[in-house]
Amino acid sequence: MSEQATDAQTTLSMNGVRKAAVLCMALGAEQAAQVLQSLSPTEVELVTREIAAIRVVPPEVVESVMGEFGDVSRSVESVAGGG
């Protein structure tokens, strides 16, 4: 199995909280704060706990999570924009 396939499987097996934590870590403090502002207090607590628990995230996993976020963002924009 290729490395890309393995990374995609790793990302698929990650829950939303972990993906959000990886995303926030990759975005940096300012942009992560904007993301966290859109979450409920309970979600913020879950994500920040996950950030604290994460030791190392391989660059390929960060890239995969960022790609998924971009795909979802484009889909939402398309639906919101009517097409």
C-alpha atoms as a PDB file:
ATOM      1  CA  MET A   1       0.000   0.000   0.000  1.00  0.00           C
ATOM      2  CA  SER A   2       1.350   3.445  -0.870  1.00  0.00           C
ATOM      3  CA  GLU A   3       2.196   6.092   1.749  1.00  0.00           C
ATOM      4  CA  GLN A   4      -0.581   8.339   0.413  1.00  0.00           C
ATOM      5  CA  ALA A   5      -3.147   5.583   0.829  1.00  0.00           C
ATOM      6  CA  THR A   6      -1.918   4.927   4.372  1.00  0.00           C
ATOM      7  CA  ASP A   7      -2.163   8.642   5.252  1.00  0.00           C
ATOM      8  CA  ALA A   8      -5.661   8.830   3.794  1.00  0.00           C
ATOM      9  CA  GLN A   9      -6.701   5.806   5.855  1.00  0.00           C
ATOM     10  CA  THR A  10      -5.169   7.379   8.974  1.00  0.00           C
ATOM     11  CA  THR A  11      -7.146  10.556   8.382  1.00  0.00           C
ATOM     12  CA  LEU A  12     -10.342   8.611   7.700  1.00  0.00           C
ATOM     13  CA  SER A  13      -9.972   6.764  10.995  1.00  0.00           C
ATOM     14  CA  MET A  14      -9.471  10.008  12.943  1.00  0.00           C
ATOM     15  CA  ASN A  15     -12.501  11.427  14.728  1.00  0.00           C
ATOM     16  CA  GLY A  16     -13.655  14.999  14.196  1.00  0.00           C
ATOM     17  CA  VAL A  17     -12.159  16.245  17.455  1.00  0.00           C
ATOM     18  CA  ARG A  18      -8.717  14.964  16.506  1.00  0.00           C
ATOM     19  CA  LYS A  19      -8.992  16.429  12.998  1.00  0.00           C
ATOM     20  CA  ALA A  20     -10.034  19.787  14.467  1.00  0.00           C
ATOM     21  CA  ALA A  21      -7.069  19.662  16.844  1.00  0.00           C
ATOM     22  CA  VAL A  22      -4.642  18.904  14.010  1.00  0.00           C
ATOM     23  CA  LEU A  23      -6.199  21.669  11.922  1.00  0.00           C
ATOM     24  CA  CYS A  24      -5.868  24.209  14.745  1.00  0.00           C
ATOM     25  CA  MET A  25      -2.253  23.215  15.336  1.00  0.00           C
ATOM     26  CA  ALA A  26      -1.491  23.633  11.636  1.00  0.00           C
ATOM     27  CA  LEU A  27      -3.282  26.987  11.314  1.00  0.00           C
ATOM     28  CA  GLY A  28      -1.497  28.751  14.143  1.00  0.00           C
ATOM     29  CA  ALA A  29      -2.858  30.724  17.086  1.00  0.00           C
ATOM     30  CA  GLU A  30      -4.786  33.516  15.352  1.00  0.00           C
ATOM     31  CA  GLN A  31      -6.600  31.380  12.809  1.00  0.00           C
ATOM     32  CA  ALA A  32      -7.148  28.589  15.338  1.00  0.00           C
ATOM     33  CA  ALA A  33      -8.833  31.121  17.633  1.00  0.00           C
ATOM     34  CA  GLN A  34     -11.239  31.996  14.810  1.00  0.00           C
ATOM     35  CA  VAL A  35     -12.058  28.315  14.308  1.00  0.00           C
ATOM     36  CA  LEU A  36     -12.568  27.758  18.031  1.00  0.00           C
ATOM     37  CA  GLN A  37     -14.918  30.751  18.248  1.00  0.00           C
ATOM     38  CA  SER A  38     -17.351  28.926  15.987  1.00  0.00           C
ATOM     39  CA  LEU A  39     -17.529  25.938  18.356  1.00  0.00           C
ATOM     40  CA  SER A  40     -19.589  25.381  21.478  1.00  0.00           C
ATOM     41  CA  PRO A  41     -17.820  25.593  24.860  1.00  0.00           C
ATOM     42  CA  THR A  42     -17.926  21.792  25.136  1.00  0.00           C
ATOM     43  CA  GLU A  43     -16.395  21.394  21.663  1.00  0.00           C
ATOM     44  CA  VAL A  44     -13.682  23.935  22.486  1.00  0.00           C
ATOM     45  CA  GLU A  45     -12.800  21.965  25.612  1.00  0.00           C
ATOM     46  CA  LEU A  46     -12.640  18.695  23.683  1.00  0.00           C
ATOM     47  CA  VAL A  47     -10.458  20.173  20.938  1.00  0.00           C
ATOM     48  CA  THR A  48      -8.078  21.951  23.329  1.00  0.00           C
ATOM     49  CA  ARG A  49      -7.682  18.767  25.390  1.00  0.00           C
ATOM     50  CA  GLU A  50      -6.882  16.882  22.209  1.00  0.00           C
ATOM     51  CA  ILE A  51      -4.318  19.523  21.206  1.00  0.00           C
ATOM     52  CA  ALA A  52      -2.648  19.113  24.597  1.00  0.00           C
ATOM     53  CA  ALA A  53      -2.602  15.319  24.220  1.00  0.00           C
ATOM     54  CA  ILE A  54      -1.078  15.247  20.742  1.00  0.00           C
ATOM     55  CA  ARG A  55       2.664  14.687  20.793  1.00  0.00           C
ATOM     56  CA  VAL A  56       3.602  14.523  17.120  1.00  0.00           C
ATOM     57  CA  VAL A  57       1.608  14.781  13.910  1.00  0.00           C
ATOM     58  CA  PRO A  58       3.345  13.547  10.768  1.00  0.00           C
ATOM     59  CA  PRO A  59       3.426  16.191   8.017  1.00  0.00           C
ATOM     60  CA  GLU A  60       1.519  13.873   5.695  1.00  0.00           C
ATOM     61  CA  VAL A  61      -1.367  13.681   8.171  1.00  0.00           C
ATOM     62  CA  VAL A  62      -1.414  17.471   8.547  1.00  0.00           C
ATOM     63  CA  GLU A  63      -1.513  17.773   4.760  1.00  0.00           C
ATOM     64  CA  SER A  64      -4.363  15.267   4.540  1.00  0.00           C
ATOM     65  CA  VAL A  65      -6.417  17.021   7.245  1.00  0.00           C
ATOM     66  CA  MET A  66      -5.810  20.417   5.617  1.00  0.00           C
ATOM     67  CA  GLY A  67      -6.853  18.984   2.254  1.00  0.00           C
ATOM     68  CA  GLU A  68     -10.042  17.560   3.735  1.00  0.00           C
ATOM     69  CA  PHE A  69     -10.799  20.901   5.380  1.00  0.00           C
ATOM     70  CA  GLY A  70     -10.297  22.655   2.037  1.00  0.00           C
ATOM     71  CA  ASP A  71     -12.589  20.177   0.281  1.00  0.00           C
ATOM     72  CA  VAL A  72     -15.325  20.628   2.886  1.00  0.00           C
ATOM     73  CA  SER A  73     -14.935  24.418   2.812  1.00  0.00           C
ATOM     74  CA  ARG A  74     -15.290  24.488  -0.971  1.00  0.00           C
ATOM     75  CA  SER A  75     -18.369  22.257  -0.777  1.00  0.00           C
ATOM     76  CA  VAL A  76     -20.010  24.528   1.790  1.00  0.00           C
ATOM     77  CA  GLU A  77     -19.205  27.614  -0.297  1.00  0.00           C
ATOM     78  CA  SER A  78     -20.650  25.930  -3.374  1.00  0.00           C
ATOM     79  CA  VAL A  79     -23.880  25.011  -1.614  1.00  0.00           C
ATOM     80  CA  ALA A  80     -24.158  28.435   0.042  1.00  0.00           C
ATOM     81  CA  GLY A  81     -23.503  30.099  -3.298  1.00  0.00           C
ATOM     82  CA  GLY A  82     -26.098  28.027  -5.092  1.00  0.00           C
ATOM     83  CA  GLY A  83     -23.909  25.852  -7.167  1.00  0.00           C
END
